[in-house]
Amino acid sequence: MAAFLSGKGVTAEELTRTISGATRELPGQFETTAAVMSGMQSNVLYHRPANYYETLASRYRSLTAAQLDAAAKAAIDPNKLTWVVIGDAAKVKPQLDPLGIPVEIVKGK
């Protein structure tokens, strides 16, 4: 994460894979009446035009690696991340202790 945020950034392969994946997922988001209604409600909530989803694929395709890098750098702060590790605390905690990070154990039901 540090390398990505400090200069490595999005590769050409990652850009292609990300845009292709996001574009291919679009039709599946509207397979039910409830999903269509949810999309319409989101448009109203976020003050988007009625044709927002019709234009989304072309907007995805116009994105550049530099734009994705800038968005990631604006949204990701490694110092504010919370890691959630699920497992047997007796086995997992000894693996986390050497990292010197605060560990909080929350017992399940």
PDB file of N, CA and C in Angstrom:
ATOM      1  N   MET A   1       0.824  -1.173   0.000  1.00  0.00           N
ATOM      2  CA  MET A   1       0.000   0.000   0.000  1.00  0.00           C
ATOM      3  C   MET A   1       0.876   1.248   0.000  1.00  0.00           C
ATOM      4  N   ALA A   2       1.948   1.209   0.777  1.00  0.00           N
ATOM      5  CA  ALA A   2       2.834   2.371   0.825  1.00  0.00           C
ATOM      6  C   ALA A   2       3.455   2.632  -0.538  1.00  0.00           C
ATOM      7  N   ALA A   3       3.888   1.575  -1.233  1.00  0.00           N
ATOM      8  CA  ALA A   3       4.468   1.747  -2.566  1.00  0.00           C
ATOM      9  C   ALA A   3       3.439   2.309  -3.538  1.00  0.00           C
ATOM     10  N   PHE A   4       2.234   1.798  -3.471  1.00  0.00           N
ATOM     11  CA  PHE A   4       1.178   2.269  -4.364  1.00  0.00           C
ATOM     12  C   PHE A   4       0.913   3.758  -4.151  1.00  0.00           C
ATOM     13  N   LEU A   5       0.796   4.167  -2.899  1.00  0.00           N
ATOM     14  CA  LEU A   5       0.467   5.555  -2.593  1.00  0.00           C
ATOM     15  C   LEU A   5       1.639   6.502  -2.800  1.00  0.00           C
ATOM     16  N   SER A   6       2.869   5.975  -2.813  1.00  0.00           N
ATOM     17  CA  SER A   6       4.031   6.860  -2.936  1.00  0.00           C
ATOM     18  C   SER A   6       4.577   6.943  -4.351  1.00  0.00           C
ATOM     19  N   GLY A   7       3.957   6.291  -5.300  1.00  0.00           N
ATOM     20  CA  GLY A   7       4.445   6.459  -6.663  1.00  0.00           C
ATOM     21  C   GLY A   7       4.221   5.308  -7.606  1.00  0.00           C
ATOM     22  N   LYS A   8       4.087   4.086  -7.097  1.00  0.00           N
ATOM     23  CA  LYS A   8       3.893   2.944  -7.988  1.00  0.00           C
ATOM     24  C   LYS A   8       2.611   3.107  -8.783  1.00  0.00           C
ATOM     25  N   GLY A   9       1.522   3.363  -8.119  1.00  0.00           N
ATOM     26  CA  GLY A   9       0.268   3.641  -8.777  1.00  0.00           C
ATOM     27  C   GLY A   9      -0.323   2.498  -9.579  1.00  0.00           C
ATOM     28  N   VAL A  10      -1.335   2.824 -10.352  1.00  0.00           N
ATOM     29  CA  VAL A  10      -2.081   1.858 -11.151  1.00  0.00           C
ATOM     30  C   VAL A  10      -1.292   1.512 -12.408  1.00  0.00           C
ATOM     31  N   THR A  11      -1.118   0.223 -12.657  1.00  0.00           N
ATOM     32  CA  THR A  11      -0.449  -0.213 -13.884  1.00  0.00           C
ATOM     33  C   THR A  11      -1.458  -0.233 -15.028  1.00  0.00           C
ATOM     34  N   ALA A  12      -0.955  -0.341 -16.249  1.00  0.00           N
ATOM     35  CA  ALA A  12      -1.836  -0.409 -17.421  1.00  0.00           C
ATOM     36  C   ALA A  12      -2.749  -1.632 -17.326  1.00  0.00           C
ATOM     37  N   GLU A  13      -2.204  -2.751 -16.887  1.00  0.00           N
ATOM     38  CA  GLU A  13      -3.007  -3.972 -16.739  1.00  0.00           C
ATOM     39  C   GLU A  13      -4.108  -3.784 -15.697  1.00  0.00           C
ATOM     40  N   GLU A  14      -3.780  -3.163 -14.566  1.00  0.00           N
ATOM     41  CA  GLU A  14      -4.771  -2.926 -13.520  1.00  0.00           C
ATOM     42  C   GLU A  14      -5.866  -1.974 -14.006  1.00  0.00           C
ATOM     43  N   LEU A  15      -5.468  -0.957 -14.764  1.00  0.00           N
ATOM     44  CA  LEU A  15      -6.442  -0.014 -15.301  1.00  0.00           C
ATOM     45  C   LEU A  15      -7.432  -0.733 -16.212  1.00  0.00           C
ATOM     46  N   THR A  16      -6.912  -1.539 -17.124  1.00  0.00           N
ATOM     47  CA  THR A  16      -7.764  -2.285 -18.053  1.00  0.00           C
ATOM     48  C   THR A  16      -8.679  -3.243 -17.304  1.00  0.00           C
ATOM     49  N   ARG A  17      -8.118  -4.000 -16.368  1.00  0.00           N
ATOM     50  CA  ARG A  17      -8.904  -4.972 -15.610  1.00  0.00           C
ATOM     51  C   ARG A  17      -9.984  -4.291 -14.778  1.00  0.00           C
ATOM     52  N   THR A  18      -9.663  -3.181 -14.146  1.00  0.00           N
ATOM     53  CA  THR A  18     -10.616  -2.462 -13.306  1.00  0.00           C
ATOM     54  C   THR A  18     -11.768  -1.903 -14.130  1.00  0.00           C
ATOM     55  N   ILE A  19     -11.448  -1.262 -15.235  1.00  0.00           N
ATOM     56  CA  ILE A  19     -12.488  -0.666 -16.076  1.00  0.00           C
ATOM     57  C   ILE A  19     -13.337  -1.753 -16.727  1.00  0.00           C
ATOM     58  N   SER A  20     -12.702  -2.803 -17.216  1.00  0.00           N
ATOM     59  CA  SER A  20     -13.461  -3.900 -17.833  1.00  0.00           C
ATOM     60  C   SER A  20     -14.391  -4.552 -16.826  1.00  0.00           C
ATOM     61  N   GLY A  21     -13.896  -4.803 -15.634  1.00  0.00           N
ATOM     62  CA  GLY A  21     -14.713  -5.435 -14.602  1.00  0.00           C
ATOM     63  C   GLY A  21     -15.901  -4.571 -14.215  1.00  0.00           C
ATOM     64  N   ALA A  22     -15.649  -3.292 -13.994  1.00  0.00           N
ATOM     65  CA  ALA A  22     -16.730  -2.388 -13.593  1.00  0.00           C
ATOM     66  C   ALA A  22     -17.775  -2.257 -14.699  1.00  0.00           C
ATOM     67  N   THR A  23     -17.324  -2.222 -15.930  1.00  0.00           N
ATOM     68  CA  THR A  23     -18.246  -2.104 -17.063  1.00  0.00           C
ATOM     69  C   THR A  23     -19.073  -3.364 -17.245  1.00  0.00           C
ATOM     70  N   ARG A  24     -18.443  -4.508 -17.118  1.00  0.00           N
ATOM     71  CA  ARG A  24     -19.161  -5.778 -17.284  1.00  0.00           C
ATOM     72  C   ARG A  24     -20.171  -6.038 -16.178  1.00  0.00           C
ATOM     73  N   GLU A  25     -19.953  -5.453 -15.006  1.00  0.00           N
ATOM     74  CA  GLU A  25     -20.872  -5.636 -13.885  1.00  0.00           C
ATOM     75  C   GLU A  25     -22.161  -4.826 -14.032  1.00  0.00           C
ATOM     76  N   LEU A  26     -22.139  -3.806 -14.847  1.00  0.00           N
ATOM     77  CA  LEU A  26     -23.281  -2.891 -14.936  1.00  0.00           C
ATOM     78  C   LEU A  26     -24.606  -3.578 -15.274  1.00  0.00           C
ATOM     79  N   PRO A  27     -24.685  -4.409 -16.316  1.00  0.00           N
ATOM     80  CA  PRO A  27     -25.988  -5.007 -16.641  1.00  0.00           C
ATOM     81  C   PRO A  27     -26.568  -5.859 -15.507  1.00  0.00           C
ATOM     82  N   GLY A  28     -25.701  -6.542 -14.761  1.00  0.00           N
ATOM     83  CA  GLY A  28     -26.167  -7.394 -13.671  1.00  0.00           C
ATOM     84  C   GLY A  28     -26.727  -6.632 -12.491  1.00  0.00           C
ATOM     85  N   GLN A  29     -26.496  -5.334 -12.461  1.00  0.00           N
ATOM     86  CA  GLN A  29     -27.000  -4.527 -11.350  1.00  0.00           C
ATOM     87  C   GLN A  29     -28.491  -4.237 -11.470  1.00  0.00           C
ATOM     88  N   PHE A  30     -29.094  -4.581 -12.606  1.00  0.00           N
ATOM     89  CA  PHE A  30     -30.491  -4.225 -12.839  1.00  0.00           C
ATOM     90  C   PHE A  30     -31.310  -5.433 -13.272  1.00  0.00           C
ATOM     91  N   GLU A  31     -31.100  -6.552 -12.606  1.00  0.00           N
ATOM     92  CA  GLU A  31     -31.787  -7.786 -12.986  1.00  0.00           C
ATOM     93  C   GLU A  31     -33.176  -7.918 -12.368  1.00  0.00           C
ATOM     94  N   THR A  32     -33.483  -7.124 -11.379  1.00  0.00           N
ATOM     95  CA  THR A  32     -34.800  -7.207 -10.734  1.00  0.00           C
ATOM     96  C   THR A  32     -35.451  -5.822 -10.721  1.00  0.00           C
ATOM     97  N   THR A  33     -36.737  -5.831 -10.529  1.00  0.00           N
ATOM     98  CA  THR A  33     -37.475  -4.576 -10.426  1.00  0.00           C
ATOM     99  C   THR A  33     -36.969  -3.758  -9.244  1.00  0.00           C
ATOM    100  N   ALA A  34     -36.680  -4.444  -8.142  1.00  0.00           N
ATOM    101  CA  ALA A  34     -36.177  -3.752  -6.952  1.00  0.00           C
ATOM    102  C   ALA A  34     -34.830  -3.089  -7.234  1.00  0.00           C
ATOM    103  N   ALA A  35     -33.981  -3.737  -8.016  1.00  0.00           N
ATOM    104  CA  ALA A  35     -32.672  -3.169  -8.352  1.00  0.00           C
ATOM    105  C   ALA A  35     -32.825  -1.925  -9.229  1.00  0.00           C
ATOM    106  N   VAL A  36     -33.756  -1.982 -10.173  1.00  0.00           N
ATOM    107  CA  VAL A  36     -34.024  -0.815 -11.027  1.00  0.00           C
ATOM    108  C   VAL A  36     -34.525   0.344 -10.164  1.00  0.00           C
ATOM    109  N   MET A  37     -35.444   0.052  -9.258  1.00  0.00           N
ATOM    110  CA  MET A  37     -35.976   1.088  -8.369  1.00  0.00           C
ATOM    111  C   MET A  37     -34.864   1.672  -7.497  1.00  0.00           C
ATOM    112  N   SER A  38     -33.996   0.824  -7.001  1.00  0.00           N
ATOM    113  CA  SER A  38     -32.885   1.293  -6.177  1.00  0.00           C
ATOM    114  C   SER A  38     -31.977   2.226  -6.971  1.00  0.00           C
ATOM    115  N   GLY A  39     -31.714   1.890  -8.237  1.00  0.00           N
ATOM    116  CA  GLY A  39     -30.906   2.757  -9.084  1.00  0.00           C
ATOM    117  C   GLY A  39     -31.562   4.109  -9.290  1.00  0.00           C
ATOM    118  N   MET A  40     -32.857   4.098  -9.500  1.00  0.00           N
ATOM    119  CA  MET A  40     -33.593   5.353  -9.671  1.00  0.00           C
ATOM    120  C   MET A  40     -33.558   6.182  -8.384  1.00  0.00           C
ATOM    121  N   GLN A  41     -33.704   5.518  -7.245  1.00  0.00           N
ATOM    122  CA  GLN A  41     -33.656   6.226  -5.966  1.00  0.00           C
ATOM    123  C   GLN A  41     -32.265   6.826  -5.734  1.00  0.00           C
ATOM    124  N   SER A  42     -31.238   6.086  -6.107  1.00  0.00           N
ATOM    125  CA  SER A  42     -29.869   6.605  -5.961  1.00  0.00           C
ATOM    126  C   SER A  42     -29.670   7.845  -6.820  1.00  0.00           C
ATOM    127  N   ASN A  43     -30.211   7.828  -8.018  1.00  0.00           N
ATOM    128  CA  ASN A  43     -30.100   9.007  -8.880  1.00  0.00           C
ATOM    129  C   ASN A  43     -30.738  10.224  -8.229  1.00  0.00           C
ATOM    130  N   VAL A  44     -31.897  10.034  -7.630  1.00  0.00           N
ATOM    131  CA  VAL A  44     -32.575  11.149  -6.954  1.00  0.00           C
ATOM    132  C   VAL A  44     -31.762  11.593  -5.738  1.00  0.00           C
ATOM    133  N   LEU A  45     -31.340  10.631  -4.924  1.00  0.00           N
ATOM    134  CA  LEU A  45     -30.598  10.936  -3.705  1.00  0.00           C
ATOM    135  C   LEU A  45     -29.318  11.724  -3.985  1.00  0.00           C
ATOM    136  N   TYR A  46     -28.589  11.321  -5.027  1.00  0.00           N
ATOM    137  CA  TYR A  46     -27.300  11.951  -5.336  1.00  0.00           C
ATOM    138  C   TYR A  46     -27.410  13.017  -6.426  1.00  0.00           C
ATOM    139  N   HIS A  47     -28.638  13.403  -6.773  1.00  0.00           N
ATOM    140  CA  HIS A  47     -28.890  14.471  -7.749  1.00  0.00           C
ATOM    141  C   HIS A  47     -28.215  14.186  -9.094  1.00  0.00           C
ATOM    142  N   ARG A  48     -28.357  12.947  -9.532  1.00  0.00           N
ATOM    143  CA  ARG A  48     -27.788  12.545 -10.824  1.00  0.00           C
ATOM    144  C   ARG A  48     -28.874  12.589 -11.889  1.00  0.00           C
ATOM    145  N   PRO A  49     -28.470  12.742 -13.151  1.00  0.00           N
ATOM    146  CA  PRO A  49     -29.471  12.745 -14.227  1.00  0.00           C
ATOM    147  C   PRO A  49     -30.095  11.353 -14.391  1.00  0.00           C
ATOM    148  N   ALA A  50     -31.265  11.311 -14.994  1.00  0.00           N
ATOM    149  CA  ALA A  50     -31.981  10.048 -15.178  1.00  0.00           C
ATOM    150  C   ALA A  50     -31.186   9.062 -16.038  1.00  0.00           C
ATOM    151  N   ASN A  51     -30.339   9.564 -16.924  1.00  0.00           N
ATOM    152  CA  ASN A  51     -29.558   8.675 -17.800  1.00  0.00           C
ATOM    153  C   ASN A  51     -28.168   8.359 -17.227  1.00  0.00           C
ATOM    154  N   TYR A  52     -27.979   8.555 -15.948  1.00  0.00           N
ATOM    155  CA  TYR A  52     -26.683   8.335 -15.305  1.00  0.00           C
ATOM    156  C   TYR A  52     -26.093   6.966 -15.632  1.00  0.00           C
ATOM    157  N   TYR A  53     -26.878   5.924 -15.472  1.00  0.00           N
ATOM    158  CA  TYR A  53     -26.352   4.573 -15.684  1.00  0.00           C
ATOM    159  C   TYR A  53     -26.082   4.292 -17.159  1.00  0.00           C
ATOM    160  N   GLU A  54     -26.804   4.969 -18.060  1.00  0.00           N
ATOM    161  CA  GLU A  54     -26.558   4.810 -19.487  1.00  0.00           C
ATOM    162  C   GLU A  54     -25.193   5.361 -19.886  1.00  0.00           C
ATOM    163  N   THR A  55     -24.703   6.347 -19.176  1.00  0.00           N
ATOM    164  CA  THR A  55     -23.439   6.994 -19.509  1.00  0.00           C
ATOM    165  C   THR A  55     -22.261   6.466 -18.700  1.00  0.00           C
ATOM    166  N   LEU A  56     -22.532   5.617 -17.744  1.00  0.00           N
ATOM    167  CA  LEU A  56     -21.494   5.176 -16.808  1.00  0.00           C
ATOM    168  C   LEU A  56     -20.373   4.400 -17.485  1.00  0.00           C
ATOM    169  N   ALA A  57     -20.703   3.479 -18.391  1.00  0.00           N
ATOM    170  CA  ALA A  57     -19.662   2.681 -19.049  1.00  0.00           C
ATOM    171  C   ALA A  57     -18.690   3.571 -19.819  1.00  0.00           C
ATOM    172  N   SER A  58     -19.193   4.542 -20.547  1.00  0.00           N
ATOM    173  CA  SER A  58     -18.298   5.420 -21.312  1.00  0.00           C
ATOM    174  C   SER A  58     -17.457   6.289 -20.381  1.00  0.00           C
ATOM    175  N   ARG A  59     -18.026   6.678 -19.248  1.00  0.00           N
ATOM    176  CA  ARG A  59     -17.234   7.450 -18.278  1.00  0.00           C
ATOM    177  C   ARG A  59     -16.142   6.582 -17.669  1.00  0.00           C
ATOM    178  N   TYR A  60     -16.451   5.314 -17.369  1.00  0.00           N
ATOM    179  CA  TYR A  60     -15.423   4.402 -16.872  1.00  0.00           C
ATOM    180  C   TYR A  60     -14.294   4.284 -17.892  1.00  0.00           C
ATOM    181  N   ARG A  61     -14.666   4.085 -19.164  1.00  0.00           N
ATOM    182  CA  ARG A  61     -13.659   3.890 -20.219  1.00  0.00           C
ATOM    183  C   ARG A  61     -12.773   5.117 -20.423  1.00  0.00           C
ATOM    184  N   SER A  62     -13.249   6.286 -20.025  1.00  0.00           N
ATOM    185  CA  SER A  62     -12.452   7.500 -20.215  1.00  0.00           C
ATOM    186  C   SER A  62     -11.474   7.756 -19.064  1.00  0.00           C
ATOM    187  N   LEU A  63     -11.554   6.963 -18.011  1.00  0.00           N
ATOM    188  CA  LEU A  63     -10.657   7.158 -16.865  1.00  0.00           C
ATOM    189  C   LEU A  63      -9.213   6.831 -17.233  1.00  0.00           C
ATOM    190  N   THR A  64      -8.297   7.548 -16.602  1.00  0.00           N
ATOM    191  CA  THR A  64      -6.870   7.299 -16.813  1.00  0.00           C
ATOM    192  C   THR A  64      -6.255   6.764 -15.518  1.00  0.00           C
ATOM    193  N   ALA A  65      -5.077   6.194 -15.660  1.00  0.00           N
ATOM    194  CA  ALA A  65      -4.359   5.708 -14.480  1.00  0.00           C
ATOM    195  C   ALA A  65      -4.079   6.855 -13.517  1.00  0.00           C
ATOM    196  N   ALA A  66      -3.742   8.007 -14.041  1.00  0.00           N
ATOM    197  CA  ALA A  66      -3.459   9.168 -13.184  1.00  0.00           C
ATOM    198  C   ALA A  66      -4.697   9.574 -12.370  1.00  0.00           C
ATOM    199  N   GLN A  67      -5.876   9.487 -12.992  1.00  0.00           N
ATOM    200  CA  GLN A  67      -7.105   9.826 -12.265  1.00  0.00           C
ATOM    201  C   GLN A  67      -7.376   8.814 -11.156  1.00  0.00           C
ATOM    202  N   LEU A  68      -7.168   7.520 -11.449  1.00  0.00           N
ATOM    203  CA  LEU A  68      -7.377   6.500 -10.416  1.00  0.00           C
ATOM    204  C   LEU A  68      -6.356   6.662  -9.293  1.00  0.00           C
ATOM    205  N   ASP A  69      -5.112   6.975  -9.647  1.00  0.00           N
ATOM    206  CA  ASP A  69      -4.086   7.208  -8.629  1.00  0.00           C
ATOM    207  C   ASP A  69      -4.482   8.361  -7.712  1.00  0.00           C
ATOM    208  N   ALA A  70      -4.932   9.458  -8.316  1.00  0.00           N
ATOM    209  CA  ALA A  70      -5.315  10.630  -7.519  1.00  0.00           C
ATOM    210  C   ALA A  70      -6.489  10.307  -6.598  1.00  0.00           C
ATOM    211  N   ALA A  71      -7.473   9.559  -7.104  1.00  0.00           N
ATOM    212  CA  ALA A  71      -8.629   9.192  -6.283  1.00  0.00           C
ATOM    213  C   ALA A  71      -8.205   8.304  -5.121  1.00  0.00           C
ATOM    214  N   ALA A  72      -7.323   7.346  -5.393  1.00  0.00           N
ATOM    215  CA  ALA A  72      -6.850   6.455  -4.332  1.00  0.00           C
ATOM    216  C   ALA A  72      -6.080   7.230  -3.273  1.00  0.00           C
ATOM    217  N   LYS A  73      -5.201   8.114  -3.710  1.00  0.00           N
ATOM    218  CA  LYS A  73      -4.413   8.899  -2.756  1.00  0.00           C
ATOM    219  C   LYS A  73      -5.296   9.803  -1.908  1.00  0.00           C
ATOM    220  N   ALA A  74      -6.385  10.294  -2.478  1.00  0.00           N
ATOM    221  CA  ALA A  74      -7.295  11.153  -1.717  1.00  0.00           C
ATOM    222  C   ALA A  74      -8.131  10.348  -0.726  1.00  0.00           C
ATOM    223  N   ALA A  75      -8.410   9.085  -1.052  1.00  0.00           N
ATOM    224  CA  ALA A  75      -9.332   8.292  -0.226  1.00  0.00           C
ATOM    225  C   ALA A  75      -8.643   7.381   0.782  1.00  0.00           C
ATOM    226  N   ILE A  76      -7.398   7.000   0.533  1.00  0.00           N
ATOM    227  CA  ILE A  76      -6.735   6.002   1.383  1.00  0.00           C
ATOM    228  C   ILE A  76      -5.701   6.667   2.279  1.00  0.00           C
ATOM    229  N   ASP A  77      -5.873   6.471   3.572  1.00  0.00           N
ATOM    230  CA  ASP A  77      -4.884   6.909   4.555  1.00  0.00           C
ATOM    231  C   ASP A  77      -4.509   5.683   5.376  1.00  0.00           C
ATOM    232  N   PRO A  78      -3.329   5.100   5.104  1.00  0.00           N
ATOM    233  CA  PRO A  78      -2.941   3.874   5.816  1.00  0.00           C
ATOM    234  C   PRO A  78      -2.946   4.018   7.338  1.00  0.00           C
ATOM    235  N   ASN A  79      -2.795   5.239   7.830  1.00  0.00           N
ATOM    236  CA  ASN A  79      -2.784   5.456   9.277  1.00  0.00           C
ATOM    237  C   ASN A  79      -4.181   5.406   9.888  1.00  0.00           C
ATOM    238  N   LYS A  80      -5.207   5.370   9.044  1.00  0.00           N
ATOM    239  CA  LYS A  80      -6.583   5.345   9.548  1.00  0.00           C
ATOM    240  C   LYS A  80      -7.291   4.022   9.245  1.00  0.00           C
ATOM    241  N   LEU A  81      -6.544   3.021   8.823  1.00  0.00           N
ATOM    242  CA  LEU A  81      -7.141   1.728   8.513  1.00  0.00           C
ATOM    243  C   LEU A  81      -7.398   0.925   9.775  1.00  0.00           C
ATOM    244  N   THR A  82      -8.459   0.170   9.752  1.00  0.00           N
ATOM    245  CA  THR A  82      -8.751  -0.790  10.805  1.00  0.00           C
ATOM    246  C   THR A  82      -8.776  -2.161  10.166  1.00  0.00           C
ATOM    247  N   TRP A  83      -7.955  -3.042  10.660  1.00  0.00           N
ATOM    248  CA  TRP A  83      -7.901  -4.404  10.143  1.00  0.00           C
ATOM    249  C   TRP A  83      -8.779  -5.283  11.013  1.00  0.00           C
ATOM    250  N   VAL A  84      -9.598  -6.079  10.407  1.00  0.00           N
ATOM    251  CA  VAL A  84     -10.445  -7.017  11.126  1.00  0.00           C
ATOM    252  C   VAL A  84      -9.936  -8.416  10.783  1.00  0.00           C
ATOM    253  N   VAL A  85      -9.469  -9.115  11.797  1.00  0.00           N
ATOM    254  CA  VAL A  85      -8.937 -10.462  11.616  1.00  0.00           C
ATOM    255  C   VAL A  85      -9.856 -11.410  12.375  1.00  0.00           C
ATOM    256  N   ILE A  86     -10.346 -12.401  11.675  1.00  0.00           N
ATOM    257  CA  ILE A  86     -11.282 -13.337  12.282  1.00  0.00           C
ATOM    258  C   ILE A  86     -10.603 -14.687  12.430  1.00  0.00           C
ATOM    259  N   GLY A  87     -10.730 -15.257  13.607  1.00  0.00           N
ATOM    260  CA  GLY A  87     -10.140 -16.566  13.841  1.00  0.00           C
ATOM    261  C   GLY A  87     -10.024 -16.847  15.327  1.00  0.00           C
ATOM    262  N   ASP A  88      -9.370 -17.928  15.628  1.00  0.00           N
ATOM    263  CA  ASP A  88      -9.129 -18.335  17.010  1.00  0.00           C
ATOM    264  C   ASP A  88      -8.086 -17.396  17.606  1.00  0.00           C
ATOM    265  N   ALA A  89      -8.496 -16.568  18.571  1.00  0.00           N
ATOM    266  CA  ALA A  89      -7.602 -15.565  19.150  1.00  0.00           C
ATOM    267  C   ALA A  89      -6.319 -16.180  19.693  1.00  0.00           C
ATOM    268  N   ALA A  90      -6.405 -17.362  20.255  1.00  0.00           N
ATOM    269  CA  ALA A  90      -5.217 -18.019  20.810  1.00  0.00           C
ATOM    270  C   ALA A  90      -4.191 -18.314  19.716  1.00  0.00           C
ATOM    271  N   LYS A  91      -4.639 -18.529  18.512  1.00  0.00           N
ATOM    272  CA  LYS A  91      -3.731 -18.812  17.401  1.00  0.00           C
ATOM    273  C   LYS A  91      -3.337 -17.551  16.638  1.00  0.00           C
ATOM    274  N   VAL A  92      -4.278 -16.619  16.512  1.00  0.00           N
ATOM    275  CA  VAL A  92      -4.042 -15.442  15.683  1.00  0.00           C
ATOM    276  C   VAL A  92      -3.264 -14.349  16.422  1.00  0.00           C
ATOM    277  N   LYS A  93      -3.595 -14.087  17.684  1.00  0.00           N
ATOM    278  CA  LYS A  93      -2.964 -12.988  18.412  1.00  0.00           C
ATOM    279  C   LYS A  93      -1.443 -13.098  18.463  1.00  0.00           C
ATOM    280  N   PRO A  94      -0.861 -14.284  18.723  1.00  0.00           N
ATOM    281  CA  PRO A  94       0.601 -14.364  18.734  1.00  0.00           C
ATOM    282  C   PRO A  94       1.240 -13.990  17.389  1.00  0.00           C
ATOM    283  N   GLN A  95       0.485 -14.143  16.303  1.00  0.00           N
ATOM    284  CA  GLN A  95       1.002 -13.760  14.995  1.00  0.00           C
ATOM    285  C   GLN A  95       0.961 -12.241  14.792  1.00  0.00           C
ATOM    286  N   LEU A  96       0.032 -11.576  15.495  1.00  0.00           N
ATOM    287  CA  LEU A  96      -0.116 -10.130  15.366  1.00  0.00           C
ATOM    288  C   LEU A  96       0.771  -9.360  16.337  1.00  0.00           C
ATOM    289  N   ASP A  97       1.072  -9.945  17.477  1.00  0.00           N
ATOM    290  CA  ASP A  97       1.858  -9.251  18.511  1.00  0.00           C
ATOM    291  C   ASP A  97       3.179  -8.680  18.001  1.00  0.00           C
ATOM    292  N   PRO A  98       3.953  -9.399  17.186  1.00  0.00           N
ATOM    293  CA  PRO A  98       5.230  -8.838  16.721  1.00  0.00           C
ATOM    294  C   PRO A  98       5.096  -7.573  15.868  1.00  0.00           C
ATOM    295  N   LEU A  99       3.907  -7.310  15.363  1.00  0.00           N
ATOM    296  CA  LEU A  99       3.702  -6.121  14.538  1.00  0.00           C
ATOM    297  C   LEU A  99       3.680  -4.842  15.360  1.00  0.00           C
ATOM    298  N   GLY A 100       3.468  -4.973  16.669  1.00  0.00           N
ATOM    299  CA  GLY A 100       3.472  -3.808  17.549  1.00  0.00           C
ATOM    300  C   GLY A 100       2.278  -2.885  17.365  1.00  0.00           C
ATOM    301  N   ILE A 101       1.191  -3.427  16.885  1.00  0.00           N
ATOM    302  CA  ILE A 101      -0.015  -2.629  16.690  1.00  0.00           C
ATOM    303  C   ILE A 101      -1.027  -2.977  17.778  1.00  0.00           C
ATOM    304  N   PRO A 102      -1.914  -2.041  18.104  1.00  0.00           N
ATOM    305  CA  PRO A 102      -2.918  -2.369  19.106  1.00  0.00           C
ATOM    306  C   PRO A 102      -3.852  -3.464  18.588  1.00  0.00           C
ATOM    307  N   VAL A 103      -4.117  -4.442  19.445  1.00  0.00           N
ATOM    308  CA  VAL A 103      -4.995  -5.553  19.088  1.00  0.00           C
ATOM    309  C   VAL A 103      -6.125  -5.602  20.098  1.00  0.00           C
ATOM    310  N   GLU A 104      -7.341  -5.591  19.581  1.00  0.00           N
ATOM    311  CA  GLU A 104      -8.527  -5.672  20.430  1.00  0.00           C
ATOM    312  C   GLU A 104      -9.214  -6.991  20.109  1.00  0.00           C
ATOM    313  N   ILE A 105      -9.484  -7.785  21.129  1.00  0.00           N
ATOM    314  CA  ILE A 105     -10.144  -9.062  20.930  1.00  0.00           C
ATOM    315  C   ILE A 105     -11.621  -8.904  21.268  1.00  0.00           C
ATOM    316  N   VAL A 106     -12.462  -9.249  20.312  1.00  0.00           N
ATOM    317  CA  VAL A 106     -13.903  -9.200  20.496  1.00  0.00           C
ATOM    318  C   VAL A 106     -14.413 -10.625  20.384  1.00  0.00           C
ATOM    319  N   LYS A 107     -14.997 -11.092  21.465  1.00  0.00           N
ATOM    320  CA  LYS A 107     -15.481 -12.476  21.457  1.00  0.00           C
ATOM    321  C   LYS A 107     -16.825 -12.561  20.759  1.00  0.00           C
ATOM    322  N   GLY A 108     -16.963 -13.595  19.931  1.00  0.00           N
ATOM    323  CA  GLY A 108     -18.222 -13.825  19.218  1.00  0.00           C
ATOM    324  C   GLY A 108     -19.245 -14.474  20.122  1.00  0.00           C
ATOM    325  N   LYS A 109     -20.405 -14.673  19.564  1.00  0.00           N
ATOM    326  CA  LYS A 109     -21.487 -15.273  20.333  1.00  0.00           C
ATOM    327  C   LYS A 109     -21.350 -16.757  20.389  1.00  0.00           C
TER     328      LYS A 109
END
